[in-house]
N, C-alpha and C. Protein backbone atom coordinates (compact mmCIF):
# COMPACT_ATOMS: atom_id res chain seq x y z
N MET A 1 -5.97 -16.44 -1.96
CA MET A 1 -5.52 -15.07 -1.77
C MET A 1 -4.03 -15.08 -1.46
N ASN A 2 -3.31 -14.19 -2.11
CA ASN A 2 -1.87 -14.11 -1.97
C ASN A 2 -1.51 -13.16 -0.84
N ILE A 3 -0.75 -13.66 0.16
CA ILE A 3 -0.28 -12.84 1.29
C ILE A 3 1.20 -13.18 1.49
N PRO A 4 2.09 -12.47 0.77
CA PRO A 4 3.52 -12.79 0.86
C PRO A 4 4.07 -12.65 2.27
N ALA A 5 4.93 -13.60 2.64
CA ALA A 5 5.49 -13.65 3.99
C ALA A 5 6.53 -12.57 4.25
N ASP A 6 7.12 -12.00 3.19
CA ASP A 6 8.21 -11.04 3.38
C ASP A 6 7.74 -9.60 3.53
N LEU A 7 6.44 -9.37 3.61
CA LEU A 7 5.89 -8.02 3.72
C LEU A 7 5.31 -7.78 5.11
N LYS A 8 5.08 -6.50 5.42
CA LYS A 8 4.35 -6.10 6.62
C LYS A 8 3.02 -5.52 6.16
N TYR A 9 1.98 -5.60 7.01
CA TYR A 9 0.62 -5.23 6.61
C TYR A 9 -0.03 -4.34 7.64
N THR A 10 -1.01 -3.54 7.16
CA THR A 10 -1.81 -2.70 8.06
C THR A 10 -3.25 -3.23 8.09
N ALA A 11 -3.98 -2.82 9.10
CA ALA A 11 -5.40 -3.17 9.19
C ALA A 11 -6.20 -2.47 8.10
N ASP A 12 -5.61 -1.44 7.48
CA ASP A 12 -6.27 -0.72 6.38
C ASP A 12 -5.94 -1.34 5.03
N HIS A 13 -5.25 -2.48 5.03
CA HIS A 13 -4.98 -3.29 3.84
C HIS A 13 -3.92 -2.70 2.91
N GLU A 14 -2.95 -1.97 3.50
CA GLU A 14 -1.76 -1.60 2.76
C GLU A 14 -0.65 -2.57 3.15
N TRP A 15 0.30 -2.74 2.23
CA TRP A 15 1.49 -3.54 2.54
C TRP A 15 2.71 -2.67 2.34
N ILE A 16 3.82 -3.08 2.97
CA ILE A 16 5.09 -2.40 2.79
C ILE A 16 6.20 -3.43 2.71
N ARG A 17 7.08 -3.22 1.74
CA ARG A 17 8.30 -4.04 1.58
C ARG A 17 9.47 -3.09 1.81
N VAL A 18 10.34 -3.41 2.76
CA VAL A 18 11.43 -2.52 3.12
C VAL A 18 12.76 -3.08 2.63
N GLU A 19 13.51 -2.20 1.95
CA GLU A 19 14.86 -2.51 1.50
C GLU A 19 15.74 -1.35 1.94
N GLY A 20 16.61 -1.60 2.92
CA GLY A 20 17.39 -0.52 3.51
C GLY A 20 16.47 0.41 4.28
N ASN A 21 16.46 1.69 3.91
CA ASN A 21 15.56 2.64 4.59
C ASN A 21 14.43 3.09 3.66
N VAL A 22 14.20 2.34 2.58
CA VAL A 22 13.13 2.67 1.63
C VAL A 22 12.05 1.60 1.69
N GLY A 23 10.82 2.07 1.83
CA GLY A 23 9.68 1.16 1.83
C GLY A 23 8.85 1.34 0.58
N THR A 24 8.51 0.23 -0.06
CA THR A 24 7.59 0.25 -1.19
C THR A 24 6.22 -0.11 -0.65
N ILE A 25 5.20 0.68 -1.00
CA ILE A 25 3.85 0.55 -0.44
C ILE A 25 2.84 0.30 -1.54
N GLY A 26 1.88 -0.56 -1.24
CA GLY A 26 0.78 -0.81 -2.16
C GLY A 26 -0.43 -1.31 -1.39
N VAL A 27 -1.46 -1.71 -2.12
CA VAL A 27 -2.64 -2.29 -1.49
C VAL A 27 -2.57 -3.80 -1.62
N THR A 28 -3.14 -4.50 -0.65
CA THR A 28 -3.06 -5.95 -0.62
C THR A 28 -3.96 -6.60 -1.67
N ASP A 29 -3.70 -7.86 -1.90
CA ASP A 29 -4.53 -8.66 -2.80
C ASP A 29 -5.97 -8.68 -2.29
N HIS A 30 -6.14 -8.78 -0.98
CA HIS A 30 -7.49 -8.74 -0.40
C HIS A 30 -8.17 -7.42 -0.73
N ALA A 31 -7.45 -6.30 -0.56
CA ALA A 31 -8.03 -4.97 -0.81
C ALA A 31 -8.44 -4.81 -2.26
N GLN A 32 -7.57 -5.19 -3.19
CA GLN A 32 -7.92 -5.01 -4.60
C GLN A 32 -9.11 -5.88 -4.97
N GLY A 33 -9.23 -7.04 -4.33
CA GLY A 33 -10.38 -7.91 -4.58
C GLY A 33 -11.68 -7.30 -4.08
N GLU A 34 -11.61 -6.67 -2.90
CA GLU A 34 -12.79 -6.02 -2.33
C GLU A 34 -13.18 -4.77 -3.13
N LEU A 35 -12.18 -4.04 -3.62
CA LEU A 35 -12.45 -2.83 -4.38
C LEU A 35 -13.08 -3.13 -5.73
N GLY A 36 -12.65 -4.21 -6.35
CA GLY A 36 -13.08 -4.49 -7.72
C GLY A 36 -12.10 -3.85 -8.70
N ASP A 37 -12.55 -3.63 -9.91
CA ASP A 37 -11.67 -3.12 -10.96
C ASP A 37 -11.19 -1.71 -10.66
N VAL A 38 -9.88 -1.56 -10.43
CA VAL A 38 -9.29 -0.26 -10.15
C VAL A 38 -9.25 0.55 -11.44
N VAL A 39 -9.74 1.80 -11.38
CA VAL A 39 -9.78 2.65 -12.56
C VAL A 39 -8.89 3.90 -12.43
N TYR A 40 -8.50 4.27 -11.19
CA TYR A 40 -7.70 5.47 -11.03
C TYR A 40 -7.05 5.48 -9.64
N VAL A 41 -5.82 5.97 -9.57
CA VAL A 41 -5.13 6.16 -8.30
C VAL A 41 -4.67 7.62 -8.24
N ASP A 42 -5.00 8.28 -7.15
CA ASP A 42 -4.62 9.68 -6.96
C ASP A 42 -3.68 9.77 -5.77
N ILE A 43 -2.43 10.13 -6.02
CA ILE A 43 -1.46 10.37 -4.96
C ILE A 43 -1.43 11.89 -4.78
N SER A 44 -1.85 12.36 -3.61
CA SER A 44 -2.09 13.79 -3.41
C SER A 44 -0.84 14.66 -3.54
N ASP A 45 0.31 14.20 -3.06
CA ASP A 45 1.53 15.01 -3.13
C ASP A 45 2.71 14.05 -3.31
N ALA A 46 3.31 14.11 -4.48
CA ALA A 46 4.36 13.16 -4.84
C ALA A 46 5.65 13.32 -4.04
N SER A 47 5.73 14.33 -3.20
CA SER A 47 6.93 14.50 -2.36
C SER A 47 6.54 14.79 -0.91
N ALA A 48 5.37 14.35 -0.50
CA ALA A 48 4.86 14.63 0.84
C ALA A 48 5.69 13.95 1.92
N THR A 49 5.79 14.63 3.06
CA THR A 49 6.33 14.01 4.27
C THR A 49 5.12 13.60 5.10
N LEU A 50 5.07 12.32 5.44
CA LEU A 50 3.90 11.73 6.08
C LEU A 50 4.20 11.23 7.47
N ALA A 51 3.20 11.29 8.32
CA ALA A 51 3.25 10.61 9.62
C ALA A 51 2.50 9.29 9.45
N LYS A 52 2.87 8.31 10.25
CA LYS A 52 2.18 7.02 10.20
C LYS A 52 0.68 7.25 10.32
N GLY A 53 -0.09 6.67 9.40
CA GLY A 53 -1.54 6.80 9.43
C GLY A 53 -2.09 7.94 8.59
N ASP A 54 -1.21 8.84 8.10
CA ASP A 54 -1.67 9.93 7.24
C ASP A 54 -2.22 9.39 5.93
N THR A 55 -3.21 10.09 5.38
CA THR A 55 -3.72 9.77 4.05
C THR A 55 -2.75 10.33 3.02
N PHE A 56 -2.32 9.48 2.06
CA PHE A 56 -1.43 9.98 1.02
C PHE A 56 -2.06 9.98 -0.36
N GLY A 57 -3.32 9.54 -0.44
CA GLY A 57 -4.02 9.54 -1.71
C GLY A 57 -5.27 8.70 -1.62
N SER A 58 -5.79 8.39 -2.80
CA SER A 58 -6.99 7.54 -2.85
C SER A 58 -6.90 6.62 -4.04
N ILE A 59 -7.68 5.54 -3.95
CA ILE A 59 -7.76 4.57 -5.03
C ILE A 59 -9.22 4.44 -5.42
N GLU A 60 -9.48 4.57 -6.71
CA GLU A 60 -10.85 4.56 -7.20
C GLU A 60 -11.09 3.29 -8.01
N ALA A 61 -12.18 2.63 -7.68
CA ALA A 61 -12.58 1.43 -8.42
C ALA A 61 -13.98 1.67 -8.97
N VAL A 62 -14.46 0.73 -9.75
CA VAL A 62 -15.78 0.87 -10.37
C VAL A 62 -16.85 1.08 -9.31
N LYS A 63 -16.73 0.38 -8.16
CA LYS A 63 -17.80 0.45 -7.18
C LYS A 63 -17.53 1.31 -5.95
N THR A 64 -16.32 1.86 -5.79
CA THR A 64 -16.04 2.65 -4.59
C THR A 64 -14.75 3.44 -4.73
N VAL A 65 -14.53 4.35 -3.78
CA VAL A 65 -13.26 5.08 -3.65
C VAL A 65 -12.78 4.85 -2.22
N ALA A 66 -11.49 4.58 -2.05
CA ALA A 66 -10.93 4.33 -0.72
C ALA A 66 -9.68 5.18 -0.53
N ASP A 67 -9.49 5.66 0.69
CA ASP A 67 -8.27 6.40 1.03
C ASP A 67 -7.10 5.44 1.17
N LEU A 68 -5.90 5.96 0.93
CA LEU A 68 -4.66 5.22 1.11
C LEU A 68 -3.95 5.82 2.32
N TYR A 69 -3.48 4.96 3.23
CA TYR A 69 -2.87 5.41 4.48
C TYR A 69 -1.41 4.95 4.57
N ALA A 70 -0.56 5.84 5.06
CA ALA A 70 0.86 5.53 5.23
C ALA A 70 1.04 4.54 6.38
N PRO A 71 1.66 3.39 6.12
CA PRO A 71 1.89 2.43 7.19
C PRO A 71 2.99 2.86 8.15
N VAL A 72 3.86 3.76 7.70
CA VAL A 72 4.96 4.28 8.51
C VAL A 72 5.18 5.75 8.16
N SER A 73 5.95 6.42 8.98
CA SER A 73 6.30 7.82 8.72
C SER A 73 7.47 7.91 7.75
N GLY A 74 7.48 8.98 6.95
CA GLY A 74 8.59 9.18 6.02
C GLY A 74 8.22 10.14 4.92
N THR A 75 9.08 10.20 3.90
CA THR A 75 8.88 11.11 2.77
C THR A 75 8.74 10.30 1.49
N ILE A 76 7.70 10.60 0.72
CA ILE A 76 7.51 9.94 -0.57
C ILE A 76 8.64 10.34 -1.49
N THR A 77 9.31 9.36 -2.09
CA THR A 77 10.42 9.62 -2.99
C THR A 77 10.10 9.22 -4.42
N GLU A 78 9.09 8.37 -4.60
CA GLU A 78 8.74 7.92 -5.94
C GLU A 78 7.27 7.50 -5.97
N VAL A 79 6.60 7.82 -7.07
CA VAL A 79 5.21 7.43 -7.28
C VAL A 79 5.16 6.59 -8.54
N ASN A 80 4.51 5.44 -8.45
CA ASN A 80 4.34 4.57 -9.61
C ASN A 80 3.13 5.07 -10.41
N ASP A 81 3.33 5.42 -11.65
CA ASP A 81 2.24 5.92 -12.49
C ASP A 81 1.44 4.74 -13.02
N VAL A 82 0.55 4.25 -12.16
CA VAL A 82 -0.27 3.10 -12.55
C VAL A 82 -1.48 3.52 -13.38
N ASN A 83 -1.74 4.82 -13.50
CA ASN A 83 -2.95 5.26 -14.19
C ASN A 83 -2.93 5.00 -15.69
N ALA A 84 -1.77 4.77 -16.27
CA ALA A 84 -1.71 4.40 -17.68
C ALA A 84 -2.37 3.03 -17.88
N SER A 85 -2.30 2.19 -16.86
CA SER A 85 -2.91 0.86 -16.89
C SER A 85 -3.29 0.47 -15.46
N PRO A 86 -4.36 1.10 -14.90
CA PRO A 86 -4.68 0.91 -13.49
C PRO A 86 -5.02 -0.54 -13.10
N ASP A 87 -5.37 -1.37 -14.07
CA ASP A 87 -5.68 -2.76 -13.76
C ASP A 87 -4.46 -3.53 -13.27
N VAL A 88 -3.25 -2.94 -13.38
CA VAL A 88 -2.06 -3.59 -12.86
C VAL A 88 -2.17 -3.75 -11.34
N VAL A 89 -2.92 -2.85 -10.67
CA VAL A 89 -3.12 -2.97 -9.23
C VAL A 89 -3.92 -4.24 -8.92
N ASN A 90 -4.86 -4.59 -9.79
CA ASN A 90 -5.63 -5.82 -9.62
C ASN A 90 -4.82 -7.05 -10.00
N LYS A 91 -4.08 -6.96 -11.08
CA LYS A 91 -3.37 -8.12 -11.62
C LYS A 91 -2.09 -8.45 -10.85
N ASP A 92 -1.40 -7.44 -10.33
CA ASP A 92 -0.09 -7.63 -9.71
C ASP A 92 0.10 -6.68 -8.53
N PRO A 93 -0.74 -6.79 -7.47
CA PRO A 93 -0.69 -5.81 -6.39
C PRO A 93 0.64 -5.77 -5.63
N TYR A 94 1.39 -6.87 -5.61
CA TYR A 94 2.65 -6.91 -4.87
C TYR A 94 3.88 -6.70 -5.76
N GLY A 95 3.65 -6.56 -7.05
CA GLY A 95 4.74 -6.35 -8.00
C GLY A 95 4.60 -5.02 -8.69
N ASN A 96 4.25 -5.05 -9.97
CA ASN A 96 4.14 -3.83 -10.76
C ASN A 96 3.01 -2.91 -10.32
N GLY A 97 2.13 -3.37 -9.44
CA GLY A 97 1.02 -2.55 -8.96
C GLY A 97 1.32 -1.76 -7.70
N TRP A 98 2.61 -1.68 -7.31
CA TRP A 98 2.97 -0.87 -6.13
C TRP A 98 2.57 0.58 -6.39
N LEU A 99 2.41 1.37 -5.31
CA LEU A 99 1.92 2.74 -5.46
C LEU A 99 2.97 3.82 -5.18
N VAL A 100 3.66 3.74 -4.05
CA VAL A 100 4.67 4.75 -3.72
C VAL A 100 5.87 4.10 -3.04
N LYS A 101 6.99 4.82 -3.11
CA LYS A 101 8.17 4.48 -2.32
C LYS A 101 8.39 5.62 -1.35
N ILE A 102 8.77 5.25 -0.14
CA ILE A 102 8.90 6.23 0.94
C ILE A 102 10.22 5.97 1.67
N THR A 103 10.93 7.07 1.99
CA THR A 103 12.12 6.95 2.84
C THR A 103 11.64 7.00 4.28
N LEU A 104 11.90 5.93 5.02
CA LEU A 104 11.41 5.82 6.39
C LEU A 104 12.12 6.81 7.32
N SER A 105 11.35 7.49 8.15
CA SER A 105 11.96 8.38 9.13
C SER A 105 12.04 7.72 10.51
N ASP A 106 11.26 6.65 10.73
CA ASP A 106 11.29 5.94 12.02
C ASP A 106 11.07 4.45 11.77
N PRO A 107 12.14 3.72 11.41
CA PRO A 107 12.01 2.30 11.09
C PRO A 107 11.40 1.46 12.22
N SER A 108 11.45 1.95 13.46
CA SER A 108 10.88 1.18 14.57
C SER A 108 9.36 1.04 14.42
N GLU A 109 8.72 1.91 13.62
CA GLU A 109 7.27 1.81 13.40
C GLU A 109 6.89 0.51 12.69
N LEU A 110 7.84 -0.11 12.01
CA LEU A 110 7.57 -1.39 11.33
C LEU A 110 7.16 -2.46 12.34
N ASP A 111 7.66 -2.34 13.58
CA ASP A 111 7.35 -3.32 14.62
C ASP A 111 5.86 -3.34 14.96
N GLY A 112 5.15 -2.26 14.70
CA GLY A 112 3.73 -2.19 15.00
C GLY A 112 2.83 -2.72 13.89
N LEU A 113 3.44 -3.17 12.78
CA LEU A 113 2.65 -3.69 11.66
C LEU A 113 2.50 -5.20 11.78
N MET A 114 1.54 -5.74 11.05
CA MET A 114 1.27 -7.18 11.09
C MET A 114 2.20 -7.94 10.16
N ASP A 115 2.54 -9.15 10.57
CA ASP A 115 3.22 -10.06 9.65
C ASP A 115 2.15 -10.79 8.84
N ALA A 116 2.57 -11.66 7.93
CA ALA A 116 1.62 -12.34 7.04
C ALA A 116 0.60 -13.17 7.82
N ASP A 117 1.03 -13.86 8.87
CA ASP A 117 0.09 -14.69 9.63
C ASP A 117 -0.98 -13.85 10.32
N ALA A 118 -0.58 -12.73 10.90
CA ALA A 118 -1.55 -11.85 11.56
C ALA A 118 -2.52 -11.25 10.55
N TYR A 119 -2.00 -10.86 9.39
CA TYR A 119 -2.88 -10.30 8.36
C TYR A 119 -3.85 -11.36 7.83
N ARG A 120 -3.34 -12.57 7.65
CA ARG A 120 -4.19 -13.68 7.19
C ARG A 120 -5.33 -13.90 8.18
N ALA A 121 -5.04 -13.82 9.48
CA ALA A 121 -6.08 -13.97 10.50
C ALA A 121 -7.07 -12.82 10.44
N LEU A 122 -6.58 -11.61 10.18
CA LEU A 122 -7.46 -10.44 10.10
C LEU A 122 -8.49 -10.59 8.98
N VAL A 123 -8.05 -11.07 7.83
CA VAL A 123 -8.96 -11.15 6.68
C VAL A 123 -9.63 -12.53 6.56
N GLY A 124 -9.32 -13.41 7.47
CA GLY A 124 -9.96 -14.71 7.47
C GLY A 124 -9.55 -15.62 6.33
N ALA A 125 -8.27 -15.50 5.95
CA ALA A 125 -7.76 -16.33 4.84
C ALA A 125 -7.09 -17.59 5.35
């Protein structure tokens, strides 16, 4: 299982990569494996302002549907249209399978997220 060291993670299996004040968010390799074949991603509002923990959409797989939660507070600035080829979330969850970009409103919230070692312990990897 791939758990990149340069990302932060949530207990809900989202990851965030921060560059400046913009965070790129997606689901972890563990999450996509548990979901199975991803068939659709629904981002509820492509310009939503979110609080940490807010639901910003859902991800649908062959065997289940799961909510997507914001790891930090901020405003969605970009949505990756993965629905043209939703299997990219399974094949490349940390690259081309990213879901949204968000402008962080409180970067200190990153301190409450897990690093790779803590996430690895959470999922038993």
